[in-house]
Amino acid sequence: MAETGPKTPQDLSDMVEAMMRGLQNKFQAMSDQIVSRMEEMGTRIDDLEKNVADLMTQAGMDESEAHFKDK
C-alpha cells in the first residue's frame, strides 16, 4: 500500500519545511520578475518623456508654453 502522509512528527516537519522552501522560491521568483518589469517600465517612461520633450522642441514649444496651454 502507498504511503499517504508523514508517519512521525519529524516527517511532518520535514515535509512542511520543504513546502515552505518551495513557496519561498516561487515568491522570490515572482518578486524578481515584478521588479524587473517595473524597472523596464520606468525605462520606457523615461524614453517616452524624452521623446515628448524632443517633439516639443521640434515644434518650437517649451515646457512652460505647453503647461500654460493645458490650463
PDB file of N, CA and C in Angstrom:
ATOM      1  N   MET A   1       0.827  -1.171   0.000  1.00  0.00           N
ATOM      2  CA  MET A   1       0.000   0.000   0.000  1.00  0.00           C
ATOM      3  C   MET A   1       0.886   1.255   0.000  1.00  0.00           C
ATOM      4  N   ALA A   2       0.462   2.317  -0.689  1.00  0.00           N
ATOM      5  CA  ALA A   2       1.257   3.536  -0.806  1.00  0.00           C
ATOM      6  C   ALA A   2       1.196   4.344   0.481  1.00  0.00           C
ATOM      7  N   GLU A   3       2.295   5.026   0.746  1.00  0.00           N
ATOM      8  CA  GLU A   3       2.367   5.888   1.932  1.00  0.00           C
ATOM      9  C   GLU A   3       1.505   7.123   1.675  1.00  0.00           C
ATOM     10  N   THR A   4       0.626   7.465   2.602  1.00  0.00           N
ATOM     11  CA  THR A   4      -0.310   8.563   2.384  1.00  0.00           C
ATOM     12  C   THR A   4       0.089   9.860   3.071  1.00  0.00           C
ATOM     13  N   GLY A   5       0.983   9.818   4.012  1.00  0.00           N
ATOM     14  CA  GLY A   5       1.362  11.035   4.710  1.00  0.00           C
ATOM     15  C   GLY A   5       2.517  10.777   5.645  1.00  0.00           C
ATOM     16  N   PRO A   6       2.924  11.811   6.353  1.00  0.00           N
ATOM     17  CA  PRO A   6       4.048  11.662   7.281  1.00  0.00           C
ATOM     18  C   PRO A   6       3.690  10.708   8.419  1.00  0.00           C
ATOM     19  N   LYS A   7       4.663   9.908   8.797  1.00  0.00           N
ATOM     20  CA  LYS A   7       4.455   8.913   9.857  1.00  0.00           C
ATOM     21  C   LYS A   7       4.904   9.407  11.228  1.00  0.00           C
ATOM     22  N   THR A   8       5.838  10.336  11.241  1.00  0.00           N
ATOM     23  CA  THR A   8       6.364  10.833  12.513  1.00  0.00           C
ATOM     24  C   THR A   8       6.322  12.360  12.512  1.00  0.00           C
ATOM     25  N   PRO A   9       6.424  12.959  13.678  1.00  0.00           N
ATOM     26  CA  PRO A   9       6.486  14.428  13.734  1.00  0.00           C
ATOM     27  C   PRO A   9       7.658  14.991  12.918  1.00  0.00           C
ATOM     28  N   GLN A  10       8.771  14.278  12.899  1.00  0.00           N
ATOM     29  CA  GLN A  10       9.928  14.740  12.122  1.00  0.00           C
ATOM     30  C   GLN A  10       9.606  14.711  10.630  1.00  0.00           C
ATOM     31  N   ASP A  11       8.897  13.658  10.177  1.00  0.00           N
ATOM     32  CA  ASP A  11       8.489  13.588   8.771  1.00  0.00           C
ATOM     33  C   ASP A  11       7.588  14.771   8.420  1.00  0.00           C
ATOM     34  N   LEU A  12       6.658  15.074   9.293  1.00  0.00           N
ATOM     35  CA  LEU A  12       5.759  16.207   9.072  1.00  0.00           C
ATOM     36  C   LEU A  12       6.544  17.510   9.022  1.00  0.00           C
ATOM     37  N   SER A  13       7.466  17.673   9.947  1.00  0.00           N
ATOM     38  CA  SER A  13       8.299  18.871   9.983  1.00  0.00           C
ATOM     39  C   SER A  13       9.110  19.012   8.699  1.00  0.00           C
ATOM     40  N   ASP A  14       9.707  17.923   8.238  1.00  0.00           N
ATOM     41  CA  ASP A  14      10.499  17.944   7.002  1.00  0.00           C
ATOM     42  C   ASP A  14       9.626  18.286   5.799  1.00  0.00           C
ATOM     43  N   MET A  15       8.422  17.705   5.770  1.00  0.00           N
ATOM     44  CA  MET A  15       7.518  17.955   4.652  1.00  0.00           C
ATOM     45  C   MET A  15       7.091  19.428   4.618  1.00  0.00           C
ATOM     46  N   VAL A  16       6.741  19.968   5.778  1.00  0.00           N
ATOM     47  CA  VAL A  16       6.327  21.372   5.851  1.00  0.00           C
ATOM     48  C   VAL A  16       7.492  22.292   5.491  1.00  0.00           C
ATOM     49  N   GLU A  17       8.670  21.973   5.971  1.00  0.00           N
ATOM     50  CA  GLU A  17       9.847  22.790   5.658  1.00  0.00           C
ATOM     51  C   GLU A  17      10.127  22.791   4.157  1.00  0.00           C
ATOM     52  N   ALA A  18      10.031  21.631   3.524  1.00  0.00           N
ATOM     53  CA  ALA A  18      10.250  21.546   2.075  1.00  0.00           C
ATOM     54  C   ALA A  18       9.186  22.345   1.322  1.00  0.00           C
ATOM     55  N   MET A  19       7.950  22.261   1.779  1.00  0.00           N
ATOM     56  CA  MET A  19       6.872  23.008   1.140  1.00  0.00           C
ATOM     57  C   MET A  19       7.097  24.511   1.291  1.00  0.00           C
ATOM     58  N   MET A  20       7.517  24.941   2.464  1.00  0.00           N
ATOM     59  CA  MET A  20       7.771  26.362   2.702  1.00  0.00           C
ATOM     60  C   MET A  20       8.940  26.872   1.862  1.00  0.00           C
ATOM     61  N   ARG A  21       9.978  26.057   1.715  1.00  0.00           N
ATOM     62  CA  ARG A  21      11.107  26.443   0.854  1.00  0.00           C
ATOM     63  C   ARG A  21      10.636  26.611  -0.586  1.00  0.00           C
ATOM     64  N   GLY A  22       9.802  25.682  -1.041  1.00  0.00           N
ATOM     65  CA  GLY A  22       9.265  25.781  -2.399  1.00  0.00           C
ATOM     66  C   GLY A  22       8.451  27.046  -2.594  1.00  0.00           C
ATOM     67  N   LEU A  23       7.595  27.363  -1.621  1.00  0.00           N
ATOM     68  CA  LEU A  23       6.795  28.588  -1.702  1.00  0.00           C
ATOM     69  C   LEU A  23       7.678  29.828  -1.677  1.00  0.00           C
ATOM     70  N   GLN A  24       8.687  29.816  -0.823  1.00  0.00           N
ATOM     71  CA  GLN A  24       9.599  30.956  -0.747  1.00  0.00           C
ATOM     72  C   GLN A  24      10.313  31.161  -2.082  1.00  0.00           C
ATOM     73  N   ASN A  25      10.744  30.078  -2.706  1.00  0.00           N
ATOM     74  CA  ASN A  25      11.412  30.179  -4.005  1.00  0.00           C
ATOM     75  C   ASN A  25      10.469  30.737  -5.066  1.00  0.00           C
ATOM     76  N   LYS A  26       9.211  30.289  -5.051  1.00  0.00           N
ATOM     77  CA  LYS A  26       8.238  30.794  -6.029  1.00  0.00           C
ATOM     78  C   LYS A  26       7.969  32.278  -5.808  1.00  0.00           C
ATOM     79  N   PHE A  27       7.779  32.678  -4.552  1.00  0.00           N
ATOM     80  CA  PHE A  27       7.541  34.092  -4.259  1.00  0.00           C
ATOM     81  C   PHE A  27       8.750  34.949  -4.628  1.00  0.00           C
ATOM     82  N   GLN A  28       9.951  34.453  -4.393  1.00  0.00           N
ATOM     83  CA  GLN A  28      11.153  35.208  -4.753  1.00  0.00           C
ATOM     84  C   GLN A  28      11.245  35.380  -6.261  1.00  0.00           C
ATOM     85  N   ALA A  29      10.943  34.318  -7.009  1.00  0.00           N
ATOM     86  CA  ALA A  29      10.972  34.404  -8.472  1.00  0.00           C
ATOM     87  C   ALA A  29       9.934  35.405  -8.969  1.00  0.00           C
ATOM     88  N   MET A  30       8.745  35.379  -8.385  1.00  0.00           N
ATOM     89  CA  MET A  30       7.704  36.329  -8.782  1.00  0.00           C
ATOM     90  C   MET A  30       8.111  37.754  -8.435  1.00  0.00           C
ATOM     91  N   SER A  31       8.686  37.942  -7.269  1.00  0.00           N
ATOM     92  CA  SER A  31       9.136  39.263  -6.849  1.00  0.00           C
ATOM     93  C   SER A  31      10.214  39.798  -7.788  1.00  0.00           C
ATOM     94  N   ASP A  32      11.162  38.948  -8.133  1.00  0.00           N
ATOM     95  CA  ASP A  32      12.222  39.351  -9.063  1.00  0.00           C
ATOM     96  C   ASP A  32      11.639  39.746 -10.413  1.00  0.00           C
ATOM     97  N   GLN A  33      10.654  38.986 -10.872  1.00  0.00           N
ATOM     98  CA  GLN A  33      10.025  39.278 -12.161  1.00  0.00           C
ATOM     99  C   GLN A  33       9.278  40.612 -12.106  1.00  0.00           C
ATOM    100  N   ILE A  34       8.574  40.870 -11.021  1.00  0.00           N
ATOM    101  CA  ILE A  34       7.845  42.131 -10.876  1.00  0.00           C
ATOM    102  C   ILE A  34       8.808  43.313 -10.849  1.00  0.00           C
ATOM    103  N   VAL A  35       9.888  43.200 -10.090  1.00  0.00           N
ATOM    104  CA  VAL A  35      10.876  44.281 -10.017  1.00  0.00           C
ATOM    105  C   VAL A  35      11.486  44.534 -11.391  1.00  0.00           C
ATOM    106  N   SER A  36      11.800  43.472 -12.106  1.00  0.00           N
ATOM    107  CA  SER A  36      12.376  43.607 -13.443  1.00  0.00           C
ATOM    108  C   SER A  36      11.411  44.326 -14.383  1.00  0.00           C
ATOM    109  N   ARG A  37      10.152  43.950 -14.335  1.00  0.00           N
ATOM    110  CA  ARG A  37       9.159  44.602 -15.196  1.00  0.00           C
ATOM    111  C   ARG A  37       8.964  46.063 -14.815  1.00  0.00           C
ATOM    112  N   MET A  38       9.004  46.367 -13.521  1.00  0.00           N
ATOM    113  CA  MET A  38       8.867  47.760 -13.090  1.00  0.00           C
ATOM    114  C   MET A  38      10.055  48.593 -13.563  1.00  0.00           C
ATOM    115  N   GLU A  39      11.255  48.036 -13.486  1.00  0.00           N
ATOM    116  CA  GLU A  39      12.437  48.753 -13.967  1.00  0.00           C
ATOM    117  C   GLU A  39      12.345  48.980 -15.472  1.00  0.00           C
ATOM    118  N   GLU A  40      11.882  47.970 -16.204  1.00  0.00           N
ATOM    119  CA  GLU A  40      11.715  48.110 -17.653  1.00  0.00           C
ATOM    120  C   GLU A  40      10.676  49.182 -17.963  1.00  0.00           C
ATOM    121  N   MET A  41       9.579  49.196 -17.224  1.00  0.00           N
ATOM    122  CA  MET A  41       8.540  50.197 -17.441  1.00  0.00           C
ATOM    123  C   MET A  41       9.067  51.593 -17.119  1.00  0.00           C
ATOM    124  N   GLY A  42       9.868  51.725 -16.069  1.00  0.00           N
ATOM    125  CA  GLY A  42      10.463  53.012 -15.737  1.00  0.00           C
ATOM    126  C   GLY A  42      11.356  53.522 -16.857  1.00  0.00           C
ATOM    127  N   THR A  43      12.129  52.620 -17.448  1.00  0.00           N
ATOM    128  CA  THR A  43      12.981  52.987 -18.577  1.00  0.00           C
ATOM    129  C   THR A  43      12.139  53.439 -19.761  1.00  0.00           C
ATOM    130  N   ARG A  44      11.067  52.731 -20.025  1.00  0.00           N
ATOM    131  CA  ARG A  44      10.184  53.110 -21.138  1.00  0.00           C
ATOM    132  C   ARG A  44       9.553  54.478 -20.896  1.00  0.00           C
ATOM    133  N   ILE A  45       9.143  54.744 -19.664  1.00  0.00           N
ATOM    134  CA  ILE A  45       8.552  56.046 -19.343  1.00  0.00           C
ATOM    135  C   ILE A  45       9.585  57.151 -19.524  1.00  0.00           C
ATOM    136  N   ASP A  46      10.810  56.918 -19.071  1.00  0.00           N
ATOM    137  CA  ASP A  46      11.876  57.905 -19.264  1.00  0.00           C
ATOM    138  C   ASP A  46      12.098  58.178 -20.745  1.00  0.00           C
ATOM    139  N   ASP A  47      12.127  57.117 -21.560  1.00  0.00           N
ATOM    140  CA  ASP A  47      12.298  57.273 -23.007  1.00  0.00           C
ATOM    141  C   ASP A  47      11.134  58.054 -23.612  1.00  0.00           C
ATOM    142  N   LEU A  48       9.926  57.755 -23.173  1.00  0.00           N
ATOM    143  CA  LEU A  48       8.750  58.454 -23.679  1.00  0.00           C
ATOM    144  C   LEU A  48       8.803  59.937 -23.323  1.00  0.00           C
ATOM    145  N   GLU A  49       9.180  60.254 -22.090  1.00  0.00           N
ATOM    146  CA  GLU A  49       9.300  61.658 -21.685  1.00  0.00           C
ATOM    147  C   GLU A  49      10.333  62.385 -22.531  1.00  0.00           C
ATOM    148  N   LYS A  50      11.452  61.722 -22.809  1.00  0.00           N
ATOM    149  CA  LYS A  50      12.488  62.333 -23.643  1.00  0.00           C
ATOM    150  C   LYS A  50      11.971  62.566 -25.058  1.00  0.00           C
ATOM    151  N   ASN A  51      11.258  61.587 -25.602  1.00  0.00           N
ATOM    152  CA  ASN A  51      10.720  61.734 -26.956  1.00  0.00           C
ATOM    153  C   ASN A  51       9.699  62.864 -27.030  1.00  0.00           C
ATOM    154  N   VAL A  52       8.849  62.989 -26.020  1.00  0.00           N
ATOM    155  CA  VAL A  52       7.869  64.076 -25.998  1.00  0.00           C
ATOM    156  C   VAL A  52       8.589  65.420 -25.916  1.00  0.00           C
ATOM    157  N   ALA A  53       9.603  65.516 -25.076  1.00  0.00           N
ATOM    158  CA  ALA A  53      10.367  66.765 -24.968  1.00  0.00           C
ATOM    159  C   ALA A  53      11.038  67.101 -26.295  1.00  0.00           C
ATOM    160  N   ASP A  54      11.589  66.089 -26.967  1.00  0.00           N
ATOM    161  CA  ASP A  54      12.216  66.317 -28.273  1.00  0.00           C
ATOM    162  C   ASP A  54      11.187  66.796 -29.294  1.00  0.00           C
ATOM    163  N   LEU A  55      10.004  66.198 -29.296  1.00  0.00           N
ATOM    164  CA  LEU A  55       8.952  66.620 -30.225  1.00  0.00           C
ATOM    165  C   LEU A  55       8.500  68.044 -29.934  1.00  0.00           C
ATOM    166  N   MET A  56       8.405  68.383 -28.654  1.00  0.00           N
ATOM    167  CA  MET A  56       8.023  69.748 -28.296  1.00  0.00           C
ATOM    168  C   MET A  56       9.080  70.737 -28.763  1.00  0.00           C
ATOM    169  N   THR A  57      10.339  70.376 -28.623  1.00  0.00           N
ATOM    170  CA  THR A  57      11.426  71.241 -29.084  1.00  0.00           C
ATOM    171  C   THR A  57      11.348  71.418 -30.595  1.00  0.00           C
ATOM    172  N   GLN A  58      11.114  70.324 -31.308  1.00  0.00           N
ATOM    173  CA  GLN A  58      10.996  70.395 -32.767  1.00  0.00           C
ATOM    174  C   GLN A  58       9.803  71.248 -33.184  1.00  0.00           C
ATOM    175  N   ALA A  59       8.747  71.238 -32.393  1.00  0.00           N
ATOM    176  CA  ALA A  59       7.554  72.018 -32.711  1.00  0.00           C
ATOM    177  C   ALA A  59       7.694  73.475 -32.278  1.00  0.00           C
ATOM    178  N   GLY A  60       8.801  73.810 -31.631  1.00  0.00           N
ATOM    179  CA  GLY A  60       9.039  75.182 -31.208  1.00  0.00           C
ATOM    180  C   GLY A  60       8.358  75.545 -29.905  1.00  0.00           C
ATOM    181  N   MET A  61       8.030  74.541 -29.128  1.00  0.00           N
ATOM    182  CA  MET A  61       7.388  74.790 -27.835  1.00  0.00           C
ATOM    183  C   MET A  61       8.364  74.438 -26.732  1.00  0.00           C
ATOM    184  N   ASP A  62       8.248  75.157 -25.629  1.00  0.00           N
ATOM    185  CA  ASP A  62       8.977  74.706 -24.452  1.00  0.00           C
ATOM    186  C   ASP A  62       7.957  74.222 -23.425  1.00  0.00           C
ATOM    187  N   GLU A  63       8.437  73.643 -22.355  1.00  0.00           N
ATOM    188  CA  GLU A  63       7.536  73.019 -21.384  1.00  0.00           C
ATOM    189  C   GLU A  63       6.592  74.028 -20.737  1.00  0.00           C
ATOM    190  N   SER A  64       7.044  75.261 -20.511  1.00  0.00           N
ATOM    191  CA  SER A  64       6.177  76.248 -19.861  1.00  0.00           C
ATOM    192  C   SER A  64       5.025  76.638 -20.778  1.00  0.00           C
ATOM    193  N   GLU A  65       5.258  76.734 -22.091  1.00  0.00           N
ATOM    194  CA  GLU A  65       4.182  77.032 -23.033  1.00  0.00           C
ATOM    195  C   GLU A  65       3.161  75.907 -23.060  1.00  0.00           C
ATOM    196  N   ALA A  66       3.628  74.676 -23.074  1.00  0.00           N
ATOM    197  CA  ALA A  66       2.726  73.530 -23.117  1.00  0.00           C
ATOM    198  C   ALA A  66       1.880  73.480 -21.852  1.00  0.00           C
ATOM    199  N   HIS A  67       2.477  73.767 -20.712  1.00  0.00           N
ATOM    200  CA  HIS A  67       1.746  73.753 -19.441  1.00  0.00           C
ATOM    201  C   HIS A  67       0.689  74.860 -19.431  1.00  0.00           C
ATOM    202  N   PHE A  68       1.030  76.035 -19.968  1.00  0.00           N
ATOM    203  CA  PHE A  68       0.106  77.158 -20.000  1.00  0.00           C
ATOM    204  C   PHE A  68      -1.086  76.857 -20.907  1.00  0.00           C
ATOM    205  N   LYS A  69      -0.851  76.200 -22.048  1.00  0.00           N
ATOM    206  CA  LYS A  69      -1.925  75.887 -22.990  1.00  0.00           C
ATOM    207  C   LYS A  69      -2.885  74.847 -22.435  1.00  0.00           C
ATOM    208  N   ASP A  70      -2.427  73.980 -21.550  1.00  0.00           N
ATOM    209  CA  ASP A  70      -3.276  72.937 -20.974  1.00  0.00           C
ATOM    210  C   ASP A  70      -4.307  73.511 -20.012  1.00  0.00           C
ATOM    211  N   LYS A  71      -4.074  74.701 -19.484  1.00  0.00           N
ATOM    212  CA  LYS A  71      -4.973  75.267 -18.456  1.00  0.00           C
ATOM    213  C   LYS A  71      -6.049  76.110 -19.053  1.00  0.00           C
TER     214      LYS A  71
END
